[in-house]
Amino acid sequence: MSSASVALVLAAGFSNRFGSLKLCATLDNGASVFEQTLANIKQAVSDIVVVTRPELAEDLIQHCDSLQIFDQAERGMGATLAYGISLVQDSESCLICLADMPFIRPESYAAVARNLQSDNIVLPIYKNQAANPVGFGNKFYKELMALTGDSGGRPVLRAHPEAVQRITLDDPGIVADIDTPDELQRYQQQLRQAS
């Protein structure tokens, strides 16, 4: 467990392309997308803060100890991330986790947390592709708290190339971004075949 790192889980999206509430979609193992994502994070990081919007709180509250409500989620992921960072700014570092990525292995979260320091940014890579979760040291919190729009932490990454530590992980789950029910089924099928 990493005590210096906090996992900030962004769970305030609108699932527009999914057609229904993506975080509550059921996986093959019976867990919801959100439940499985959270279970995987909990195996790697002990301090977790989940940020959601008011409409989702009732569905998610039963699964997490620290659920924070952001009532301006329509302003985009950047604004949600800025709000989330304001809640964890006493931590040394933070993993930015997406609530709709249930296939990331616990050891991938642990690897990002292990490499994080207060003055670096850890970017996981899978087959030359930038992935999630991205970790930020508290040196970058002020810039993260100024974010708006829908680009998440990318502007801060681009502004500090010298601080970015890339770590290659053999985990296809770190790039398994689910936008539609078809994608969810496809990723599950690929994982079944791989195991």
C-alpha atoms as a PDB file:
ATOM      1  CA  MET A   1       0.000   0.000   0.000  1.00  0.00           C
ATOM      2  CA  SER A   2       1.222   3.506  -0.753  1.00  0.00           C
ATOM      3  CA  SER A   3       0.333   5.974   1.977  1.00  0.00           C
ATOM      4  CA  ALA A   4       1.851   9.024   0.283  1.00  0.00           C
ATOM      5  CA  SER A   5      -0.293   8.628  -2.822  1.00  0.00           C
ATOM      6  CA  VAL A   6      -4.019   9.263  -2.968  1.00  0.00           C
ATOM      7  CA  ALA A   7      -6.166   7.732  -5.693  1.00  0.00           C
ATOM      8  CA  LEU A   8      -8.586  10.315  -7.072  1.00  0.00           C
ATOM      9  CA  VAL A   9     -11.341   8.460  -8.928  1.00  0.00           C
ATOM     10  CA  LEU A  10     -13.269  10.533 -11.468  1.00  0.00           C
ATOM     11  CA  ALA A  11     -16.829   9.194 -11.654  1.00  0.00           C
ATOM     12  CA  ALA A  12     -18.786  12.216 -12.870  1.00  0.00           C
ATOM     13  CA  GLY A  13     -19.113  11.491 -16.596  1.00  0.00           C
ATOM     14  CA  PHE A  14     -22.389  11.474 -18.496  1.00  0.00           C
ATOM     15  CA  SER A  15     -22.042   8.183 -20.455  1.00  0.00           C
ATOM     16  CA  ASN A  16     -23.461   9.930 -23.526  1.00  0.00           C
ATOM     17  CA  ARG A  17     -22.219   7.343 -26.029  1.00  0.00           C
ATOM     18  CA  PHE A  18     -22.995   4.371 -23.781  1.00  0.00           C
ATOM     19  CA  GLY A  19     -26.759   4.955 -23.843  1.00  0.00           C
ATOM     20  CA  SER A  20     -27.240   4.111 -20.152  1.00  0.00           C
ATOM     21  CA  LEU A  21     -25.346   4.525 -16.903  1.00  0.00           C
ATOM     22  CA  LYS A  22     -21.966   3.035 -17.847  1.00  0.00           C
ATOM     23  CA  LEU A  23     -20.613   2.810 -14.294  1.00  0.00           C
ATOM     24  CA  CYS A  24     -23.501   0.527 -13.307  1.00  0.00           C
ATOM     25  CA  ALA A  25     -23.147  -1.796 -16.307  1.00  0.00           C
ATOM     26  CA  THR A  26     -22.606  -5.396 -15.208  1.00  0.00           C
ATOM     27  CA  LEU A  27     -19.406  -7.257 -16.057  1.00  0.00           C
ATOM     28  CA  ASP A  28     -19.106 -10.992 -16.693  1.00  0.00           C
ATOM     29  CA  ASN A  29     -18.128 -11.547 -13.046  1.00  0.00           C
ATOM     30  CA  GLY A  30     -21.334  -9.888 -11.774  1.00  0.00           C
ATOM     31  CA  ALA A  31     -19.657  -6.714 -10.502  1.00  0.00           C
ATOM     32  CA  SER A  32     -20.520  -3.337 -11.957  1.00  0.00           C
ATOM     33  CA  VAL A  33     -17.926  -1.379 -13.942  1.00  0.00           C
ATOM     34  CA  PHE A  34     -17.527   1.000 -10.980  1.00  0.00           C
ATOM     35  CA  GLU A  35     -17.337  -1.756  -8.350  1.00  0.00           C
ATOM     36  CA  GLN A  36     -14.615  -3.608 -10.233  1.00  0.00           C
ATOM     37  CA  THR A  37     -12.592  -0.453 -10.910  1.00  0.00           C
ATOM     38  CA  LEU A  38     -12.741   0.495  -7.239  1.00  0.00           C
ATOM     39  CA  ALA A  39     -11.871  -3.030  -6.073  1.00  0.00           C
ATOM     40  CA  ASN A  40      -8.748  -3.019  -8.246  1.00  0.00           C
ATOM     41  CA  ILE A  41      -7.641   0.394  -6.978  1.00  0.00           C
ATOM     42  CA  LYS A  42      -8.205  -0.619  -3.341  1.00  0.00           C
ATOM     43  CA  GLN A  43      -5.696  -3.452  -3.726  1.00  0.00           C
ATOM     44  CA  ALA A  44      -2.975  -0.921  -4.594  1.00  0.00           C
ATOM     45  CA  VAL A  45      -3.777   2.368  -2.829  1.00  0.00           C
ATOM     46  CA  SER A  46      -5.322   2.722   0.614  1.00  0.00           C
ATOM     47  CA  ASP A  47      -6.414   6.370   0.412  1.00  0.00           C
ATOM     48  CA  ILE A  48      -9.178   6.826  -2.184  1.00  0.00           C
ATOM     49  CA  VAL A  49     -11.423   9.792  -2.969  1.00  0.00           C
ATOM     50  CA  VAL A  50     -14.240   9.395  -5.509  1.00  0.00           C
ATOM     51  CA  VAL A  51     -15.721  12.468  -7.218  1.00  0.00           C
ATOM     52  CA  THR A  52     -19.158  12.133  -8.782  1.00  0.00           C
ATOM     53  CA  ARG A  53     -22.130  14.270  -9.741  1.00  0.00           C
ATOM     54  CA  PRO A  54     -25.344  14.471  -7.675  1.00  0.00           C
ATOM     55  CA  GLU A  55     -27.352  12.246 -10.036  1.00  0.00           C
ATOM     56  CA  LEU A  56     -24.943   9.312  -9.595  1.00  0.00           C
ATOM     57  CA  ALA A  57     -24.332   9.572  -5.854  1.00  0.00           C
ATOM     58  CA  GLU A  58     -27.115   7.196  -4.838  1.00  0.00           C
ATOM     59  CA  ASP A  59     -25.865   4.493  -7.216  1.00  0.00           C
ATOM     60  CA  LEU A  60     -22.236   4.778  -6.105  1.00  0.00           C
ATOM     61  CA  ILE A  61     -22.345   5.631  -2.395  1.00  0.00           C
ATOM     62  CA  GLN A  62     -22.747   2.012  -1.266  1.00  0.00           C
ATOM     63  CA  HIS A  63     -19.396   1.080  -2.809  1.00  0.00           C
ATOM     64  CA  CYS A  64     -17.072   3.719  -1.388  1.00  0.00           C
ATOM     65  CA  ASP A  65     -16.107   5.359   1.880  1.00  0.00           C
ATOM     66  CA  SER A  66     -15.181   8.787   0.544  1.00  0.00           C
ATOM     67  CA  LEU A  67     -17.652  10.013  -2.080  1.00  0.00           C
ATOM     68  CA  GLN A  68     -17.500  13.720  -2.941  1.00  0.00           C
ATOM     69  CA  ILE A  69     -20.223  15.465  -4.936  1.00  0.00           C
ATOM     70  CA  PHE A  70     -19.305  17.918  -7.701  1.00  0.00           C
ATOM     71  CA  ASP A  71     -22.411  19.716  -8.901  1.00  0.00           C
ATOM     72  CA  GLN A  72     -20.741  21.342 -11.938  1.00  0.00           C
ATOM     73  CA  ALA A  73     -19.634  18.199 -13.771  1.00  0.00           C
ATOM     74  CA  GLU A  74     -21.204  19.509 -16.974  1.00  0.00           C
ATOM     75  CA  ARG A  75     -18.223  21.912 -17.157  1.00  0.00           C
ATOM     76  CA  GLY A  76     -16.073  18.954 -18.235  1.00  0.00           C
ATOM     77  CA  MET A  77     -13.430  16.554 -16.979  1.00  0.00           C
ATOM     78  CA  GLY A  78     -10.917  19.358 -16.408  1.00  0.00           C
ATOM     79  CA  ALA A  79     -13.257  21.097 -13.985  1.00  0.00           C
ATOM     80  CA  THR A  80     -14.038  17.813 -12.213  1.00  0.00           C
ATOM     81  CA  LEU A  81     -10.335  17.042 -11.919  1.00  0.00           C
ATOM     82  CA  ALA A  82      -9.611  20.554 -10.582  1.00  0.00           C
ATOM     83  CA  TYR A  83     -12.280  20.078  -7.914  1.00  0.00           C
ATOM     84  CA  GLY A  84     -10.926  16.633  -7.022  1.00  0.00           C
ATOM     85  CA  ILE A  85      -7.366  17.898  -6.633  1.00  0.00           C
ATOM     86  CA  SER A  86      -8.612  20.628  -4.290  1.00  0.00           C
ATOM     87  CA  LEU A  87      -9.839  17.823  -2.003  1.00  0.00           C
ATOM     88  CA  VAL A  88      -6.516  15.959  -1.890  1.00  0.00           C
ATOM     89  CA  GLN A  89      -4.043  18.839  -1.954  1.00  0.00           C
ATOM     90  CA  ASP A  90      -2.483  17.786   1.365  1.00  0.00           C
ATOM     91  CA  SER A  91      -1.192  14.572  -0.210  1.00  0.00           C
ATOM     92  CA  GLU A  92       2.307  14.152  -1.611  1.00  0.00           C
ATOM     93  CA  SER A  93       1.028  12.740  -4.895  1.00  0.00           C
ATOM     94  CA  CYS A  94      -2.130  11.613  -6.616  1.00  0.00           C
ATOM     95  CA  LEU A  95      -3.152   8.952  -9.116  1.00  0.00           C
ATOM     96  CA  ILE A  96      -5.875  10.204 -11.445  1.00  0.00           C
ATOM     97  CA  CYS A  97      -8.097   7.162 -11.954  1.00  0.00           C
ATOM     98  CA  LEU A  98     -11.063   6.865 -14.308  1.00  0.00           C
ATOM     99  CA  ALA A  99     -14.073   5.067 -12.835  1.00  0.00           C
ATOM    100  CA  ASP A 100     -14.911   3.383 -16.146  1.00  0.00           C
ATOM    101  CA  MET A 101     -11.670   1.381 -16.515  1.00  0.00           C
ATOM    102  CA  PRO A 102     -12.426  -1.922 -14.712  1.00  0.00           C
ATOM    103  CA  PHE A 103      -9.753  -3.929 -16.522  1.00  0.00           C
ATOM    104  CA  ILE A 104      -6.688  -2.137 -15.111  1.00  0.00           C
ATOM    105  CA  ARG A 105      -4.818  -4.624 -12.937  1.00  0.00           C
ATOM    106  CA  PRO A 106      -4.114  -3.711  -9.303  1.00  0.00           C
ATOM    107  CA  GLU A 107      -0.377  -4.078  -9.935  1.00  0.00           C
ATOM    108  CA  SER A 108      -0.567  -1.348 -12.592  1.00  0.00           C
ATOM    109  CA  TYR A 109      -2.008   1.109 -10.070  1.00  0.00           C
ATOM    110  CA  ALA A 110       0.693  -0.001  -7.620  1.00  0.00           C
ATOM    111  CA  ALA A 111       3.454   0.558 -10.193  1.00  0.00           C
ATOM    112  CA  VAL A 112       2.329   4.130 -10.857  1.00  0.00           C
ATOM    113  CA  ALA A 113       2.063   4.837  -7.116  1.00  0.00           C
ATOM    114  CA  ARG A 114       5.503   3.311  -6.463  1.00  0.00           C
ATOM    115  CA  ASN A 115       7.169   5.596  -9.025  1.00  0.00           C
ATOM    116  CA  LEU A 116       5.385   8.771  -7.931  1.00  0.00           C
ATOM    117  CA  GLN A 117       7.181  11.558  -6.100  1.00  0.00           C
ATOM    118  CA  SER A 118       6.127  15.062  -5.169  1.00  0.00           C
ATOM    119  CA  ASP A 119       7.939  16.559  -8.185  1.00  0.00           C
ATOM    120  CA  ASN A 120       7.242  14.138 -11.034  1.00  0.00           C
ATOM    121  CA  ILE A 121       4.430  12.963 -13.307  1.00  0.00           C
ATOM    122  CA  VAL A 122       4.139   9.225 -13.961  1.00  0.00           C
ATOM    123  CA  LEU A 123       2.679   8.230 -17.318  1.00  0.00           C
ATOM    124  CA  PRO A 124       2.015   4.534 -17.943  1.00  0.00           C
ATOM    125  CA  ILE A 125       2.613   3.251 -21.468  1.00  0.00           C
ATOM    126  CA  TYR A 126       1.194   0.175 -23.195  1.00  0.00           C
ATOM    127  CA  LYS A 127       2.576  -0.705 -26.646  1.00  0.00           C
ATOM    128  CA  ASN A 128       3.807   2.889 -27.166  1.00  0.00           C
ATOM    129  CA  GLN A 129       0.389   4.276 -26.243  1.00  0.00           C
ATOM    130  CA  ALA A 130      -0.083   6.699 -23.333  1.00  0.00           C
ATOM    131  CA  ALA A 131      -2.492   5.206 -20.820  1.00  0.00           C
ATOM    132  CA  ASN A 132      -4.140   5.516 -17.399  1.00  0.00           C
ATOM    133  CA  PRO A 133      -3.879   6.115 -14.510  1.00  0.00           C
ATOM    134  CA  VAL A 134      -1.561   9.128 -14.685  1.00  0.00           C
ATOM    135  CA  GLY A 135       0.112  10.156 -11.439  1.00  0.00           C
ATOM    136  CA  PHE A 136       0.965  13.727 -10.456  1.00  0.00           C
ATOM    137  CA  GLY A 137       3.204  14.942  -7.651  1.00  0.00           C
ATOM    138  CA  ASN A 138       1.866  17.798  -5.531  1.00  0.00           C
ATOM    139  CA  LYS A 139       4.222  20.217  -7.313  1.00  0.00           C
ATOM    140  CA  PHE A 140       1.611  20.239 -10.104  1.00  0.00           C
ATOM    141  CA  TYR A 141      -1.545  20.556  -7.996  1.00  0.00           C
ATOM    142  CA  LYS A 142      -1.855  24.318  -8.457  1.00  0.00           C
ATOM    143  CA  GLU A 143      -1.914  23.907 -12.250  1.00  0.00           C
ATOM    144  CA  LEU A 144      -4.321  20.970 -12.044  1.00  0.00           C
ATOM    145  CA  MET A 145      -6.690  23.042  -9.896  1.00  0.00           C
ATOM    146  CA  ALA A 146      -6.774  25.691 -12.635  1.00  0.00           C
ATOM    147  CA  LEU A 147      -8.024  23.264 -15.286  1.00  0.00           C
ATOM    148  CA  THR A 148     -11.319  23.706 -17.120  1.00  0.00           C
ATOM    149  CA  GLY A 149     -12.955  22.069 -20.131  1.00  0.00           C
ATOM    150  CA  ASP A 150     -12.706  18.446 -21.157  1.00  0.00           C
ATOM    151  CA  SER A 151      -8.999  17.743 -21.652  1.00  0.00           C
ATOM    152  CA  GLY A 152      -8.264  16.436 -18.164  1.00  0.00           C
ATOM    153  CA  GLY A 153      -4.618  16.698 -17.102  1.00  0.00           C
ATOM    154  CA  ARG A 154      -3.114  16.717 -20.615  1.00  0.00           C
ATOM    155  CA  PRO A 155      -2.219  20.447 -20.588  1.00  0.00           C
ATOM    156  CA  VAL A 156      -0.152  19.954 -17.425  1.00  0.00           C
ATOM    157  CA  LEU A 157       1.590  16.925 -18.955  1.00  0.00           C
ATOM    158  CA  ARG A 158       2.452  18.922 -22.079  1.00  0.00           C
ATOM    159  CA  ALA A 159       3.719  21.872 -20.036  1.00  0.00           C
ATOM    160  CA  HIS A 160       6.251  19.753 -18.099  1.00  0.00           C
ATOM    161  CA  PRO A 161       7.868  17.177 -20.403  1.00  0.00           C
ATOM    162  CA  GLU A 162      11.008  17.184 -18.257  1.00  0.00           C
ATOM    163  CA  ALA A 163       9.022  15.931 -15.245  1.00  0.00           C
ATOM    164  CA  VAL A 164       7.261  13.074 -17.034  1.00  0.00           C
ATOM    165  CA  GLN A 165       8.476   9.587 -16.129  1.00  0.00           C
ATOM    166  CA  ARG A 166       7.160   7.004 -18.573  1.00  0.00           C
ATOM    167  CA  ILE A 167       6.747   3.466 -17.286  1.00  0.00           C
ATOM    168  CA  THR A 168       5.954   0.607 -19.646  1.00  0.00           C
ATOM    169  CA  LEU A 169       3.325  -1.781 -18.291  1.00  0.00           C
ATOM    170  CA  ASP A 170       2.236  -5.087 -19.798  1.00  0.00           C
ATOM    171  CA  ASP A 171      -1.438  -4.492 -19.063  1.00  0.00           C
ATOM    172  CA  PRO A 172      -3.920  -3.971 -21.930  1.00  0.00           C
ATOM    173  CA  GLY A 173      -6.443  -2.780 -19.327  1.00  0.00           C
ATOM    174  CA  ILE A 174      -4.651   0.564 -19.027  1.00  0.00           C
ATOM    175  CA  VAL A 175      -5.835   1.502 -22.523  1.00  0.00           C
ATOM    176  CA  ALA A 176      -9.262  -0.200 -22.366  1.00  0.00           C
ATOM    177  CA  ASP A 177     -11.398   2.928 -22.458  1.00  0.00           C
ATOM    178  CA  ILE A 178     -15.090   1.990 -22.567  1.00  0.00           C
ATOM    179  CA  ASP A 179     -17.450   4.286 -24.463  1.00  0.00           C
ATOM    180  CA  THR A 180     -20.113   1.901 -25.764  1.00  0.00           C
ATOM    181  CA  PRO A 181     -21.704  -1.415 -24.684  1.00  0.00           C
ATOM    182  CA  ASP A 182     -20.045  -3.068 -27.703  1.00  0.00           C
ATOM    183  CA  GLU A 183     -16.615  -1.951 -26.509  1.00  0.00           C
ATOM    184  CA  LEU A 184     -17.328  -3.306 -23.039  1.00  0.00           C
ATOM    185  CA  GLN A 185     -18.216  -6.724 -24.489  1.00  0.00           C
ATOM    186  CA  ARG A 186     -15.214  -6.704 -26.814  1.00  0.00           C
ATOM    187  CA  TYR A 187     -12.736  -5.977 -23.989  1.00  0.00           C
ATOM    188  CA  GLN A 188     -14.251  -8.713 -21.839  1.00  0.00           C
ATOM    189  CA  GLN A 189     -13.998 -11.188 -24.690  1.00  0.00           C
ATOM    190  CA  GLN A 190     -10.348 -10.246 -25.333  1.00  0.00           C
ATOM    191  CA  LEU A 191      -9.526 -10.732 -21.661  1.00  0.00           C
ATOM    192  CA  ARG A 192     -11.258 -14.127 -21.582  1.00  0.00           C
ATOM    193  CA  GLN A 193      -9.193 -15.233 -24.575  1.00  0.00           C
ATOM    194  CA  ALA A 194      -5.962 -13.903 -23.057  1.00  0.00           C
ATOM    195  CA  SER A 195      -6.402 -15.707 -19.736  1.00  0.00           C
END
